[in-house]
Amino acid sequence: MEARFINMLCEVLERDLPIDFDDSLDELQEWDSLAALSLISMVDEEYGINIGSKDFENINTVGDIYKCIQTKLDHRQ
């Protein structure tokens, strides 16, 4: 699931360069409000879960996004 998530995030960001779980979102030049909205849509479509503005309060890195998705998926089961 990790590799698929990274690939989808690269598509959302329209980024050819690789990204890593430790990458800060603030340091990714492609990360902006439109990318955040695209991410929300992608997560809803791919995983069937909703990431809201409250979730973004604790998201600083690519890995934080992944952890948020994992946590929501674990609580759904």
N, C-alpha and C. Protein backbone atom coordinates (compact mmCIF):
# COMPACT_ATOMS: atom_id res chain seq x y z
N MET A 1 0.81 -1.20 0.00
CA MET A 1 0.00 0.00 0.00
C MET A 1 0.86 1.27 0.00
N GLU A 2 2.04 1.19 0.61
CA GLU A 2 2.90 2.37 0.69
C GLU A 2 3.33 2.87 -0.69
N ALA A 3 3.77 1.97 -1.54
CA ALA A 3 4.24 2.36 -2.88
C ALA A 3 3.08 2.94 -3.69
N ARG A 4 1.92 2.33 -3.59
CA ARG A 4 0.74 2.83 -4.32
C ARG A 4 0.38 4.23 -3.83
N PHE A 5 0.42 4.44 -2.53
CA PHE A 5 0.13 5.76 -1.97
C PHE A 5 1.10 6.81 -2.52
N ILE A 6 2.39 6.49 -2.50
CA ILE A 6 3.40 7.43 -3.01
C ILE A 6 3.15 7.74 -4.48
N ASN A 7 2.85 6.72 -5.27
CA ASN A 7 2.57 6.94 -6.69
C ASN A 7 1.36 7.84 -6.89
N MET A 8 0.30 7.61 -6.13
CA MET A 8 -0.90 8.43 -6.25
C MET A 8 -0.64 9.87 -5.81
N LEU A 9 0.15 10.03 -4.75
CA LEU A 9 0.47 11.37 -4.29
C LEU A 9 1.30 12.11 -5.34
N CYS A 10 2.21 11.42 -5.98
CA CYS A 10 3.00 12.04 -7.06
C CYS A 10 2.07 12.49 -8.20
N GLU A 11 1.05 11.69 -8.49
CA GLU A 11 0.08 12.08 -9.52
C GLU A 11 -0.70 13.31 -9.08
N VAL A 12 -1.13 13.34 -7.84
CA VAL A 12 -1.87 14.49 -7.32
C VAL A 12 -1.02 15.75 -7.42
N LEU A 13 0.24 15.62 -7.08
CA LEU A 13 1.15 16.76 -7.09
C LEU A 13 1.69 17.07 -8.49
N GLU A 14 1.39 16.17 -9.44
CA GLU A 14 1.94 16.29 -10.80
C GLU A 14 3.46 16.43 -10.72
N ARG A 15 4.06 15.51 -10.01
CA ARG A 15 5.49 15.54 -9.71
C ARG A 15 6.17 14.32 -10.29
N ASP A 16 7.25 14.55 -11.02
CA ASP A 16 8.03 13.45 -11.59
C ASP A 16 9.12 12.99 -10.63
N LEU A 17 9.60 13.90 -9.80
CA LEU A 17 10.65 13.56 -8.85
C LEU A 17 10.09 12.69 -7.73
N PRO A 18 10.87 11.76 -7.23
CA PRO A 18 10.36 10.90 -6.15
C PRO A 18 10.14 11.69 -4.86
N ILE A 19 9.22 11.19 -4.07
CA ILE A 19 8.99 11.77 -2.75
C ILE A 19 9.16 10.67 -1.72
N ASP A 20 9.39 11.08 -0.49
CA ASP A 20 9.66 10.15 0.59
C ASP A 20 8.73 10.48 1.76
N PHE A 21 8.50 9.52 2.62
CA PHE A 21 7.63 9.72 3.77
C PHE A 21 8.14 10.82 4.70
N ASP A 22 9.44 11.09 4.70
CA ASP A 22 10.01 12.11 5.57
C ASP A 22 9.93 13.51 4.98
N ASP A 23 9.51 13.63 3.72
CA ASP A 23 9.45 14.94 3.07
C ASP A 23 8.39 15.83 3.73
N SER A 24 8.79 17.04 4.04
CA SER A 24 7.87 18.02 4.60
C SER A 24 6.99 18.58 3.49
N LEU A 25 5.70 18.69 3.75
CA LEU A 25 4.80 19.24 2.74
C LEU A 25 5.15 20.68 2.42
N ASP A 26 5.58 21.44 3.42
CA ASP A 26 5.96 22.83 3.21
C ASP A 26 7.14 22.98 2.27
N GLU A 27 7.97 21.97 2.17
CA GLU A 27 9.14 22.03 1.30
C GLU A 27 8.88 21.53 -0.11
N LEU A 28 7.71 20.94 -0.33
CA LEU A 28 7.34 20.50 -1.68
C LEU A 28 6.71 21.68 -2.41
N GLN A 29 7.36 22.16 -3.46
CA GLN A 29 6.87 23.35 -4.14
C GLN A 29 5.51 23.12 -4.79
N GLU A 30 5.15 21.85 -5.05
CA GLU A 30 3.86 21.55 -5.66
C GLU A 30 2.71 21.55 -4.65
N TRP A 31 3.03 21.55 -3.34
CA TRP A 31 2.00 21.47 -2.31
C TRP A 31 1.37 22.84 -2.10
N ASP A 32 0.07 22.91 -2.35
CA ASP A 32 -0.70 24.12 -2.12
C ASP A 32 -2.14 23.72 -1.79
N SER A 33 -3.02 24.69 -1.70
CA SER A 33 -4.41 24.38 -1.31
C SER A 33 -5.11 23.51 -2.35
N LEU A 34 -4.79 23.71 -3.62
CA LEU A 34 -5.39 22.88 -4.67
C LEU A 34 -4.89 21.44 -4.56
N ALA A 35 -3.62 21.25 -4.25
CA ALA A 35 -3.08 19.90 -4.05
C ALA A 35 -3.74 19.24 -2.84
N ALA A 36 -3.99 20.01 -1.78
CA ALA A 36 -4.66 19.45 -0.60
C ALA A 36 -6.07 18.99 -0.96
N LEU A 37 -6.79 19.78 -1.73
CA LEU A 37 -8.13 19.38 -2.16
C LEU A 37 -8.09 18.15 -3.05
N SER A 38 -7.11 18.09 -3.93
CA SER A 38 -6.95 16.92 -4.80
C SER A 38 -6.62 15.68 -3.97
N LEU A 39 -5.81 15.86 -2.95
CA LEU A 39 -5.48 14.75 -2.05
C LEU A 39 -6.72 14.25 -1.34
N ILE A 40 -7.53 15.16 -0.83
CA ILE A 40 -8.77 14.79 -0.14
C ILE A 40 -9.66 13.97 -1.07
N SER A 41 -9.78 14.41 -2.30
CA SER A 41 -10.60 13.69 -3.28
C SER A 41 -10.02 12.32 -3.59
N MET A 42 -8.71 12.24 -3.77
CA MET A 42 -8.04 10.97 -4.07
C MET A 42 -8.21 9.99 -2.92
N VAL A 43 -8.06 10.43 -1.70
CA VAL A 43 -8.19 9.56 -0.53
C VAL A 43 -9.62 9.04 -0.42
N ASP A 44 -10.58 9.92 -0.66
CA ASP A 44 -11.98 9.50 -0.62
C ASP A 44 -12.27 8.46 -1.68
N GLU A 45 -11.79 8.71 -2.89
CA GLU A 45 -12.04 7.78 -4.00
C GLU A 45 -11.31 6.45 -3.82
N GLU A 46 -10.06 6.51 -3.42
CA GLU A 46 -9.24 5.30 -3.34
C GLU A 46 -9.50 4.47 -2.09
N TYR A 47 -9.68 5.15 -0.95
CA TYR A 47 -9.78 4.45 0.32
C TYR A 47 -11.16 4.52 0.97
N GLY A 48 -12.03 5.39 0.43
CA GLY A 48 -13.37 5.53 0.98
C GLY A 48 -13.40 6.18 2.35
N ILE A 49 -12.42 7.03 2.63
CA ILE A 49 -12.39 7.75 3.91
C ILE A 49 -12.25 9.24 3.65
N ASN A 50 -12.61 10.03 4.65
CA ASN A 50 -12.58 11.47 4.53
C ASN A 50 -11.48 12.06 5.40
N ILE A 51 -10.66 12.88 4.80
CA ILE A 51 -9.66 13.65 5.55
C ILE A 51 -10.20 15.07 5.61
N GLY A 52 -10.37 15.57 6.81
CA GLY A 52 -10.92 16.91 6.99
C GLY A 52 -9.87 17.91 7.44
N SER A 53 -10.31 19.15 7.60
CA SER A 53 -9.39 20.22 7.99
C SER A 53 -8.77 19.95 9.36
N LYS A 54 -9.52 19.31 10.25
CA LYS A 54 -8.99 18.98 11.58
C LYS A 54 -7.80 18.01 11.46
N ASP A 55 -7.90 17.07 10.50
CA ASP A 55 -6.79 16.13 10.28
C ASP A 55 -5.53 16.85 9.83
N PHE A 56 -5.70 17.88 9.02
CA PHE A 56 -4.54 18.60 8.49
C PHE A 56 -3.79 19.38 9.56
N GLU A 57 -4.41 19.58 10.72
CA GLU A 57 -3.71 20.26 11.82
C GLU A 57 -2.50 19.46 12.28
N ASN A 58 -2.54 18.13 12.09
CA ASN A 58 -1.46 17.26 12.55
C ASN A 58 -0.63 16.69 11.41
N ILE A 59 -0.85 17.18 10.21
CA ILE A 59 -0.14 16.66 9.04
C ILE A 59 0.94 17.66 8.63
N ASN A 60 2.19 17.20 8.70
CA ASN A 60 3.31 18.05 8.28
C ASN A 60 4.17 17.39 7.22
N THR A 61 4.14 16.07 7.16
CA THR A 61 4.98 15.34 6.22
C THR A 61 4.13 14.39 5.38
N VAL A 62 4.73 13.85 4.35
CA VAL A 62 4.08 12.83 3.52
C VAL A 62 3.71 11.64 4.40
N GLY A 63 4.59 11.26 5.30
CA GLY A 63 4.33 10.15 6.20
C GLY A 63 3.15 10.40 7.11
N ASP A 64 2.95 11.65 7.51
CA ASP A 64 1.80 11.99 8.35
C ASP A 64 0.48 11.74 7.61
N ILE A 65 0.46 12.03 6.32
CA ILE A 65 -0.74 11.77 5.52
C ILE A 65 -1.01 10.27 5.52
N TYR A 66 0.03 9.49 5.28
CA TYR A 66 -0.11 8.04 5.22
C TYR A 66 -0.59 7.49 6.57
N LYS A 67 -0.01 7.98 7.66
CA LYS A 67 -0.42 7.53 9.00
C LYS A 67 -1.88 7.88 9.27
N CYS A 68 -2.30 9.05 8.84
CA CYS A 68 -3.69 9.47 9.02
C CYS A 68 -4.63 8.52 8.29
N ILE A 69 -4.28 8.18 7.06
CA ILE A 69 -5.10 7.24 6.27
C ILE A 69 -5.13 5.89 6.97
N GLN A 70 -3.96 5.39 7.39
CA GLN A 70 -3.90 4.09 8.06
C GLN A 70 -4.75 4.06 9.32
N THR A 71 -4.67 5.11 10.11
CA THR A 71 -5.43 5.19 11.35
C THR A 71 -6.92 5.15 11.07
N LYS A 72 -7.36 5.92 10.08
CA LYS A 72 -8.78 5.94 9.72
C LYS A 72 -9.23 4.58 9.18
N LEU A 73 -8.38 3.93 8.40
CA LEU A 73 -8.72 2.61 7.89
C LEU A 73 -8.80 1.58 9.03
N ASP A 74 -7.87 1.67 9.97
CA ASP A 74 -7.87 0.74 11.12
C ASP A 74 -9.11 0.93 11.99
N HIS A 75 -9.55 2.16 12.17
CA HIS A 75 -10.72 2.43 13.01
C HIS A 75 -12.02 2.06 12.32
N ARG A 76 -11.97 1.99 11.01
CA ARG A 76 -13.16 1.64 10.24
C ARG A 76 -13.48 0.16 10.34
N GLN A 77 -12.49 -0.65 10.58
CA GLN A 77 -12.68 -2.11 10.59
C GLN A 77 -13.28 -2.60 11.87
